[in-house]
PDB file of all heavy atoms in Angstrom:
ATOM      1  N   ASN A   1       5.834  72.554  -5.252  1.00  0.00           N
ATOM      2  CA  ASN A   1       5.185  71.925  -6.462  1.00  0.00           C
ATOM      3  C   ASN A   1       6.045  72.141  -7.663  1.00  0.00           C
ATOM      4  O   ASN A   1       6.714  73.079  -7.763  1.00  0.00           O
ATOM      5  CB  ASN A   1       3.731  72.617  -6.604  1.00  0.00           C
ATOM      6  CG  ASN A   1       2.779  72.293  -5.482  1.00  0.00           C
ATOM      7  OD1 ASN A   1       2.816  71.176  -4.960  1.00  0.00           O
ATOM      8  ND2 ASN A   1       2.058  73.271  -5.133  1.00  0.00           N
ATOM      9  N   ALA A   2       5.912  71.231  -8.609  1.00  0.00           N
ATOM     10  CA  ALA A   2       6.573  71.291  -9.895  1.00  0.00           C
ATOM     11  C   ALA A   2       5.754  71.906 -10.971  1.00  0.00           C
ATOM     12  O   ALA A   2       4.577  71.561 -11.035  1.00  0.00           O
ATOM     13  CB  ALA A   2       6.994  69.849 -10.324  1.00  0.00           C
ATOM     14  N   GLU A   3       6.275  72.843 -11.567  1.00  0.00           N
ATOM     15  CA  GLU A   3       5.593  73.464 -12.697  1.00  0.00           C
ATOM     16  C   GLU A   3       6.242  73.066 -14.002  1.00  0.00           C
ATOM     17  O   GLU A   3       7.357  73.478 -14.313  1.00  0.00           O
ATOM     18  CB  GLU A   3       5.567  75.028 -12.531  1.00  0.00           C
ATOM     19  CG  GLU A   3       4.873  75.783 -13.613  1.00  0.00           C
ATOM     20  CD  GLU A   3       4.923  77.202 -13.422  1.00  0.00           C
ATOM     21  OE1 GLU A   3       4.214  77.710 -12.527  1.00  0.00           O
ATOM     22  OE2 GLU A   3       5.751  77.880 -14.102  1.00  0.00           O
ATOM     23  N   GLU A   4       5.607  72.211 -14.786  1.00  0.00           N
ATOM     24  CA  GLU A   4       6.254  71.659 -15.948  1.00  0.00           C
ATOM     25  C   GLU A   4       6.308  72.748 -17.045  1.00  0.00           C
ATOM     26  O   GLU A   4       5.372  73.549 -17.298  1.00  0.00           O
ATOM     27  CB  GLU A   4       5.501  70.463 -16.449  1.00  0.00           C
ATOM     28  CG  GLU A   4       5.585  69.273 -15.434  1.00  0.00           C
ATOM     29  CD  GLU A   4       5.004  67.993 -16.080  1.00  0.00           C
ATOM     30  OE1 GLU A   4       4.595  68.074 -17.193  1.00  0.00           O
ATOM     31  OE2 GLU A   4       5.034  67.011 -15.298  1.00  0.00           O
ATOM     32  N   THR A   5       7.500  72.772 -17.776  1.00  0.00           N
ATOM     33  CA  THR A   5       7.617  73.696 -18.920  1.00  0.00           C
ATOM     34  C   THR A   5       7.765  72.857 -20.170  1.00  0.00           C
ATOM     35  O   THR A   5       8.637  71.951 -20.290  1.00  0.00           O
ATOM     36  CB  THR A   5       8.908  74.467 -18.691  1.00  0.00           C
ATOM     37  OG1 THR A   5       8.816  75.175 -17.516  1.00  0.00           O
ATOM     38  CG2 THR A   5       9.137  75.431 -19.838  1.00  0.00           C
ATOM     39  N   THR A   6       6.875  73.003 -21.106  1.00  0.00           N
ATOM     40  CA  THR A   6       6.920  72.243 -22.372  1.00  0.00           C
ATOM     41  C   THR A   6       8.055  72.636 -23.228  1.00  0.00           C
ATOM     42  O   THR A   6       8.593  73.773 -23.140  1.00  0.00           O
ATOM     43  CB  THR A   6       5.615  72.490 -23.127  1.00  0.00           C
ATOM     44  OG1 THR A   6       5.411  73.805 -23.364  1.00  0.00           O
ATOM     45  CG2 THR A   6       4.386  71.993 -22.296  1.00  0.00           C
ATOM     46  N   ALA A   7       8.492  71.725 -24.146  1.00  0.00           N
ATOM     47  CA  ALA A   7       9.625  71.969 -24.931  1.00  0.00           C
ATOM     48  C   ALA A   7       9.444  73.241 -25.826  1.00  0.00           C
ATOM     49  O   ALA A   7       8.409  73.395 -26.432  1.00  0.00           O
ATOM     50  CB  ALA A   7       9.841  70.780 -25.871  1.00  0.00           C
ATOM     51  N   GLY A   8      10.450  74.074 -25.828  1.00  0.00           N
ATOM     52  CA  GLY A   8      10.354  75.324 -26.594  1.00  0.00           C
ATOM     53  C   GLY A   8       9.585  76.367 -26.029  1.00  0.00           C
ATOM     54  O   GLY A   8       9.540  77.467 -26.602  1.00  0.00           O
ATOM     55  N   ALA A   9       8.933  76.199 -24.841  1.00  0.00           N
ATOM     56  CA  ALA A   9       8.041  77.293 -24.307  1.00  0.00           C
ATOM     57  C   ALA A   9       8.979  78.311 -23.604  1.00  0.00           C
ATOM     58  O   ALA A   9      10.004  77.952 -23.180  1.00  0.00           O
ATOM     59  CB  ALA A   9       7.110  76.676 -23.260  1.00  0.00           C
ATOM     60  N   ARG A  10       8.433  79.505 -23.670  1.00  0.00           N
ATOM     61  CA  ARG A  10       9.263  80.616 -22.959  1.00  0.00           C
ATOM     62  C   ARG A  10       9.016  80.475 -21.491  1.00  0.00           C
ATOM     63  O   ARG A  10       7.976  80.355 -20.985  1.00  0.00           O
ATOM     64  CB  ARG A  10       8.692  81.960 -23.417  1.00  0.00           C
ATOM     65  CG  ARG A  10       9.424  83.108 -22.777  1.00  0.00           C
ATOM     66  CD  ARG A  10       8.951  84.438 -23.294  1.00  0.00           C
ATOM     67  NE  ARG A  10       9.632  85.529 -22.703  1.00  0.00           N
ATOM     68  CZ  ARG A  10       9.353  86.816 -22.986  1.00  0.00           C
ATOM     69  NH1 ARG A  10       8.431  87.137 -23.819  1.00  0.00           N
ATOM     70  NH2 ARG A  10      10.016  87.739 -22.427  1.00  0.00           N
ATOM     71  N   PRO A  11      10.197  80.437 -20.718  1.00  0.00           N
ATOM     72  CA  PRO A  11      10.062  80.190 -19.249  1.00  0.00           C
ATOM     73  C   PRO A  11       9.393  81.405 -18.672  1.00  0.00           C
ATOM     74  O   PRO A  11       9.475  82.545 -19.135  1.00  0.00           O
ATOM     75  CB  PRO A  11      11.558  80.124 -18.828  1.00  0.00           C
ATOM     76  CG  PRO A  11      12.321  79.929 -20.119  1.00  0.00           C
ATOM     77  CD  PRO A  11      11.518  80.557 -21.160  1.00  0.00           C
ATOM     78  N   ARG A  12       8.747  81.093 -17.451  1.00  0.00           N
ATOM     79  CA  ARG A  12       8.125  82.189 -16.626  1.00  0.00           C
ATOM     80  C   ARG A  12       9.246  83.034 -16.059  1.00  0.00           C
ATOM     81  O   ARG A  12      10.410  82.659 -16.041  1.00  0.00           O
ATOM     82  CB  ARG A  12       7.364  81.582 -15.482  1.00  0.00           C
ATOM     83  CG  ARG A  12       6.128  80.795 -15.924  1.00  0.00           C
ATOM     84  CD  ARG A  12       5.602  80.022 -14.735  1.00  0.00           C
ATOM     85  NE  ARG A  12       5.400  80.826 -13.550  1.00  0.00           N
ATOM     86  CZ  ARG A  12       4.317  81.342 -13.105  1.00  0.00           C
ATOM     87  NH1 ARG A  12       3.265  81.247 -13.841  1.00  0.00           N
ATOM     88  NH2 ARG A  12       4.272  82.078 -12.027  1.00  0.00           N
ATOM     89  N   GLU A  13       8.965  84.244 -15.598  1.00  0.00           N
ATOM     90  CA  GLU A  13       9.925  85.095 -15.006  1.00  0.00           C
ATOM     91  C   GLU A  13      10.591  84.458 -13.771  1.00  0.00           C
ATOM     92  O   GLU A  13      11.696  84.867 -13.471  1.00  0.00           O
ATOM     93  CB  GLU A  13       9.284  86.437 -14.604  1.00  0.00           C
ATOM     94  CG  GLU A  13       8.908  87.242 -15.862  1.00  0.00           C
ATOM     95  CD  GLU A  13       8.331  88.587 -15.416  1.00  0.00           C
ATOM     96  OE1 GLU A  13       8.233  88.878 -14.275  1.00  0.00           O
ATOM     97  OE2 GLU A  13       7.963  89.384 -16.297  1.00  0.00           O
ATOM     98  N   ASP A  14       9.883  83.592 -13.063  1.00  0.00           N
ATOM     99  CA  ASP A  14      10.476  82.994 -11.896  1.00  0.00           C
ATOM    100  C   ASP A  14      11.090  81.594 -12.128  1.00  0.00           C
ATOM    101  O   ASP A  14      11.375  80.917 -11.274  1.00  0.00           O
ATOM    102  CB  ASP A  14       9.447  82.935 -10.777  1.00  0.00           C
ATOM    103  CG  ASP A  14       8.205  81.989 -11.125  1.00  0.00           C
ATOM    104  OD1 ASP A  14       8.123  81.564 -12.248  1.00  0.00           O
ATOM    105  OD2 ASP A  14       7.374  81.674 -10.265  1.00  0.00           O
ATOM    106  N   SER A  15      11.261  81.319 -13.444  1.00  0.00           N
ATOM    107  CA  SER A  15      11.949  80.034 -13.732  1.00  0.00           C
ATOM    108  C   SER A  15      13.212  80.254 -14.405  1.00  0.00           C
ATOM    109  O   SER A  15      13.634  81.440 -14.582  1.00  0.00           O
ATOM    110  CB  SER A  15      11.032  79.093 -14.590  1.00  0.00           C
ATOM    111  OG  SER A  15      10.409  79.843 -15.629  1.00  0.00           O
ATOM    112  N   VAL A  16      13.942  79.238 -14.688  1.00  0.00           N
ATOM    113  CA  VAL A  16      15.316  79.349 -15.192  1.00  0.00           C
ATOM    114  C   VAL A  16      15.341  79.184 -16.719  1.00  0.00           C
ATOM    115  O   VAL A  16      14.614  78.349 -17.264  1.00  0.00           O
ATOM    116  CB  VAL A  16      16.225  78.219 -14.594  1.00  0.00           C
ATOM    117  CG1 VAL A  16      17.654  78.357 -15.098  1.00  0.00           C
ATOM    118  CG2 VAL A  16      16.185  78.352 -13.077  1.00  0.00           C
ATOM    119  N   SER A  17      16.138  79.973 -17.413  1.00  0.00           N
ATOM    120  CA  SER A  17      16.173  79.958 -18.831  1.00  0.00           C
ATOM    121  C   SER A  17      16.671  78.641 -19.286  1.00  0.00           C
ATOM    122  O   SER A  17      17.559  77.934 -18.637  1.00  0.00           O
ATOM    123  CB  SER A  17      17.047  81.046 -19.335  1.00  0.00           C
ATOM    124  OG  SER A  17      16.605  82.332 -19.027  1.00  0.00           O
ATOM    125  N   GLN A  18      16.267  78.125 -20.443  1.00  0.00           N
ATOM    126  CA  GLN A  18      16.628  76.882 -21.006  1.00  0.00           C
ATOM    127  C   GLN A  18      17.020  76.921 -22.435  1.00  0.00           C
ATOM    128  O   GLN A  18      16.678  77.947 -23.057  1.00  0.00           O
ATOM    129  CB  GLN A  18      15.424  75.876 -20.955  1.00  0.00           C
ATOM    130  CG  GLN A  18      14.779  75.738 -19.619  1.00  0.00           C
ATOM    131  CD  GLN A  18      13.381  75.067 -19.740  1.00  0.00           C
ATOM    132  OE1 GLN A  18      13.279  74.187 -20.564  1.00  0.00           O
ATOM    133  NE2 GLN A  18      12.453  75.506 -19.063  1.00  0.00           N
ATOM    134  N   LYS A  19      17.732  75.937 -22.905  1.00  0.00           N
ATOM    135  CA  LYS A  19      17.964  75.886 -24.317  1.00  0.00           C
ATOM    136  C   LYS A  19      16.620  75.483 -25.042  1.00  0.00           C
ATOM    137  O   LYS A  19      15.902  74.614 -24.535  1.00  0.00           O
ATOM    138  CB  LYS A  19      19.009  74.721 -24.656  1.00  0.00           C
ATOM    139  CG  LYS A  19      20.430  75.101 -24.245  1.00  0.00           C
ATOM    140  CD  LYS A  19      21.427  74.128 -24.851  1.00  0.00           C
ATOM    141  CE  LYS A  19      21.162  72.751 -24.471  1.00  0.00           C
ATOM    142  NZ  LYS A  19      22.072  71.776 -25.002  1.00  0.00           N
ATOM    143  N   PRO A  20      16.401  76.120 -26.166  1.00  0.00           N
ATOM    144  CA  PRO A  20      15.135  75.753 -26.942  1.00  0.00           C
ATOM    145  C   PRO A  20      15.194  74.183 -27.249  1.00  0.00           C
ATOM    146  O   PRO A  20      16.204  73.678 -27.634  1.00  0.00           O
ATOM    147  CB  PRO A  20      15.226  76.558 -28.172  1.00  0.00           C
ATOM    148  CG  PRO A  20      16.061  77.766 -27.828  1.00  0.00           C
ATOM    149  CD  PRO A  20      17.010  77.170 -26.848  1.00  0.00           C
ATOM    150  N   GLY A  21      14.065  73.531 -27.143  1.00  0.00           N
ATOM    151  CA  GLY A  21      13.965  72.132 -27.447  1.00  0.00           C
ATOM    152  C   GLY A  21      14.118  71.181 -26.291  1.00  0.00           C
ATOM    153  O   GLY A  21      13.813  70.030 -26.355  1.00  0.00           O
ATOM    154  N   ASP A  22      14.591  71.760 -25.158  1.00  0.00           N
ATOM    155  CA  ASP A  22      14.727  70.846 -23.986  1.00  0.00           C
ATOM    156  C   ASP A  22      13.449  70.964 -23.173  1.00  0.00           C
ATOM    157  O   ASP A  22      12.892  71.958 -23.047  1.00  0.00           O
ATOM    158  CB  ASP A  22      15.940  71.327 -23.123  1.00  0.00           C
ATOM    159  CG  ASP A  22      17.254  70.945 -23.675  1.00  0.00           C
ATOM    160  OD1 ASP A  22      17.227  70.134 -24.603  1.00  0.00           O
ATOM    161  OD2 ASP A  22      18.290  71.392 -23.236  1.00  0.00           O
ATOM    162  N   SER A  23      13.163  69.851 -22.530  1.00  0.00           N
ATOM    163  CA  SER A  23      11.930  69.872 -21.678  1.00  0.00           C
ATOM    164  C   SER A  23      12.381  69.652 -20.213  1.00  0.00           C
ATOM    165  O   SER A  23      12.041  68.715 -19.527  1.00  0.00           O
ATOM    166  CB  SER A  23      11.021  68.652 -22.033  1.00  0.00           C
ATOM    167  OG  SER A  23      11.747  67.442 -21.990  1.00  0.00           O
ATOM    168  N   LEU A  24      13.127  70.615 -19.788  1.00  0.00           N
ATOM    169  CA  LEU A  24      13.601  70.658 -18.425  1.00  0.00           C
ATOM    170  C   LEU A  24      12.487  71.167 -17.520  1.00  0.00           C
ATOM    171  O   LEU A  24      11.876  72.228 -17.678  1.00  0.00           O
ATOM    172  CB  LEU A  24      14.791  71.615 -18.318  1.00  0.00           C
ATOM    173  CG  LEU A  24      15.532  71.659 -16.960  1.00  0.00           C
ATOM    174  CD1 LEU A  24      16.214  70.305 -16.651  1.00  0.00           C
ATOM    175  CD2 LEU A  24      16.612  72.802 -16.984  1.00  0.00           C
ATOM    176  N   THR A  25      12.160  70.457 -16.510  1.00  0.00           N
ATOM    177  CA  THR A  25      11.104  70.824 -15.527  1.00  0.00           C
ATOM    178  C   THR A  25      11.616  71.804 -14.475  1.00  0.00           C
ATOM    179  O   THR A  25      12.713  71.589 -13.938  1.00  0.00           O
ATOM    180  CB  THR A  25      10.552  69.625 -14.847  1.00  0.00           C
ATOM    181  OG1 THR A  25      10.082  68.723 -15.849  1.00  0.00           O
ATOM    182  CG2 THR A  25       9.382  69.993 -13.932  1.00  0.00           C
ATOM    183  N   THR A  26      10.888  72.886 -14.273  1.00  0.00           N
ATOM    184  CA  THR A  26      11.244  73.778 -13.172  1.00  0.00           C
ATOM    185  C   THR A  26      10.137  73.857 -12.185  1.00  0.00           C
ATOM    186  O   THR A  26       9.065  73.230 -12.429  1.00  0.00           O
ATOM    187  CB  THR A  26      11.552  75.189 -13.738  1.00  0.00           C
ATOM    188  OG1 THR A  26      10.373  75.711 -14.288  1.00  0.00           O
ATOM    189  CG2 THR A  26      12.671  75.106 -14.736  1.00  0.00           C
ATOM    190  N   SER A  27      10.281  74.616 -11.180  1.00  0.00           N
ATOM    191  CA  SER A  27       9.176  74.743 -10.169  1.00  0.00           C
ATOM    192  C   SER A  27       9.060  76.175  -9.785  1.00  0.00           C
ATOM    193  O   SER A  27       9.920  76.978  -9.864  1.00  0.00           O
ATOM    194  CB  SER A  27       9.442  73.872  -8.957  1.00  0.00           C
ATOM    195  OG  SER A  27      10.370  74.470  -8.132  1.00  0.00           O
ATOM    196  N   LYS A  28       7.978  76.434  -9.009  1.00  0.00           N
ATOM    197  CA  LYS A  28       7.759  77.755  -8.353  1.00  0.00           C
ATOM    198  C   LYS A  28       8.596  77.682  -7.043  1.00  0.00           C
ATOM    199  O   LYS A  28       9.249  76.739  -6.747  1.00  0.00           O
ATOM    200  CB  LYS A  28       6.307  77.997  -8.145  1.00  0.00           C
ATOM    201  CG  LYS A  28       5.564  78.078  -9.523  1.00  0.00           C
ATOM    202  CD  LYS A  28       4.088  78.332  -9.279  1.00  0.00           C
ATOM    203  CE  LYS A  28       3.879  79.770  -8.795  1.00  0.00           C
ATOM    204  NZ  LYS A  28       2.408  80.084  -8.754  1.00  0.00           N
ATOM    205  N   THR A  29       8.369  78.672  -6.251  1.00  0.00           N
ATOM    206  CA  THR A  29       9.059  78.751  -4.979  1.00  0.00           C
ATOM    207  C   THR A  29       8.692  77.565  -4.053  1.00  0.00           C
ATOM    208  O   THR A  29       7.523  77.226  -3.963  1.00  0.00           O
ATOM    209  CB  THR A  29       8.807  80.067  -4.216  1.00  0.00           C
ATOM    210  OG1 THR A  29       7.357  80.228  -4.071  1.00  0.00           O
ATOM    211  CG2 THR A  29       9.345  81.263  -5.010  1.00  0.00           C
ATOM    212  N   MET A  30       9.701  77.014  -3.332  1.00  0.00           N
ATOM    213  CA  MET A  30       9.410  75.998  -2.406  1.00  0.00           C
ATOM    214  C   MET A  30       8.783  76.545  -1.150  1.00  0.00           C
ATOM    215  O   MET A  30       8.732  77.719  -0.942  1.00  0.00           O
ATOM    216  CB  MET A  30      10.726  75.289  -2.078  1.00  0.00           C
ATOM    217  CG  MET A  30      11.674  76.071  -1.187  1.00  0.00           C
ATOM    218  SD  MET A  30      13.116  75.153  -0.674  1.00  0.00           S
ATOM    219  CE  MET A  30      12.413  73.908   0.408  1.00  0.00           C
ATOM    220  N   ALA A  31       8.334  75.628  -0.330  1.00  0.00           N
ATOM    221  CA  ALA A  31       7.717  76.042   0.962  1.00  0.00           C
ATOM    222  C   ALA A  31       8.831  76.739   1.780  1.00  0.00           C
ATOM    223  O   ALA A  31       9.874  76.164   2.001  1.00  0.00           O
ATOM    224  CB  ALA A  31       7.188  74.836   1.703  1.00  0.00           C
ATOM    225  N   GLN A  32       8.568  77.998   2.213  1.00  0.00           N
ATOM    226  CA  GLN A  32       9.536  78.814   2.775  1.00  0.00           C
ATOM    227  C   GLN A  32       9.726  78.414   4.268  1.00  0.00           C
ATOM    228  O   GLN A  32       8.804  78.012   4.957  1.00  0.00           O
ATOM    229  CB  GLN A  32       9.096  80.260   2.720  1.00  0.00           C
ATOM    230  CG  GLN A  32       9.157  80.791   1.381  1.00  0.00           C
ATOM    231  CD  GLN A  32      10.532  81.105   0.830  1.00  0.00           C
ATOM    232  OE1 GLN A  32      11.423  81.638   1.470  1.00  0.00           O
ATOM    233  NE2 GLN A  32      10.841  80.586  -0.322  1.00  0.00           N
ATOM    234  N   LEU A  33      10.992  78.500   4.694  1.00  0.00           N
ATOM    235  CA  LEU A  33      11.243  78.375   6.190  1.00  0.00           C
ATOM    236  C   LEU A  33      10.978  79.648   6.923  1.00  0.00           C
ATOM    237  O   LEU A  33      11.223  80.683   6.431  1.00  0.00           O
ATOM    238  CB  LEU A  33      12.739  77.986   6.387  1.00  0.00           C
ATOM    239  CG  LEU A  33      13.220  76.613   6.029  1.00  0.00           C
ATOM    240  CD1 LEU A  33      14.643  76.394   6.504  1.00  0.00           C
ATOM    241  CD2 LEU A  33      12.388  75.514   6.560  1.00  0.00           C
ATOM    242  N   VAL A  34      10.336  79.481   8.020  1.00  0.00           N
ATOM    243  CA  VAL A  34      10.142  80.581   8.973  1.00  0.00           C
ATOM    244  C   VAL A  34      11.300  80.567   9.906  1.00  0.00           C
ATOM    245  O   VAL A  34      11.480  79.619  10.644  1.00  0.00           O
ATOM    246  CB  VAL A  34       8.810  80.529   9.706  1.00  0.00           C
ATOM    247  CG1 VAL A  34       8.639  81.655  10.678  1.00  0.00           C
ATOM    248  CG2 VAL A  34       7.641  80.504   8.705  1.00  0.00           C
ATOM    249  N   VAL A  35      12.125  81.640   9.881  1.00  0.00           N
ATOM    250  CA  VAL A  35      13.318  81.702  10.678  1.00  0.00           C
ATOM    251  C   VAL A  35      13.084  82.666  11.863  1.00  0.00           C
ATOM    252  O   VAL A  35      12.643  83.768  11.654  1.00  0.00           O
ATOM    253  CB  VAL A  35      14.509  82.170   9.854  1.00  0.00           C
ATOM    254  CG1 VAL A  35      15.788  82.350  10.734  1.00  0.00           C
ATOM    255  CG2 VAL A  35      14.846  81.274   8.678  1.00  0.00           C
ATOM    256  N   THR A  36      13.287  82.186  13.087  1.00  0.00           N
ATOM    257  CA  THR A  36      13.126  83.017  14.283  1.00  0.00           C
ATOM    258  C   THR A  36      14.530  83.302  14.926  1.00  0.00           C
ATOM    259  O   THR A  36      15.283  82.364  15.120  1.00  0.00           O
ATOM    260  CB  THR A  36      12.267  82.350  15.292  1.00  0.00           C
ATOM    261  OG1 THR A  36      11.017  82.010  14.776  1.00  0.00           O
ATOM    262  CG2 THR A  36      12.061  83.246  16.553  1.00  0.00           C
TER     263      THR A  36
END
């Protein structure tokens, strides 16, 4: 799922840092693969 980050908002701990003023969309963890 995509977790939108509004312009100038402080990113969550699990998102990527951005330049202030940019509205770069980040997401939470993707569906994990189960490896056997």
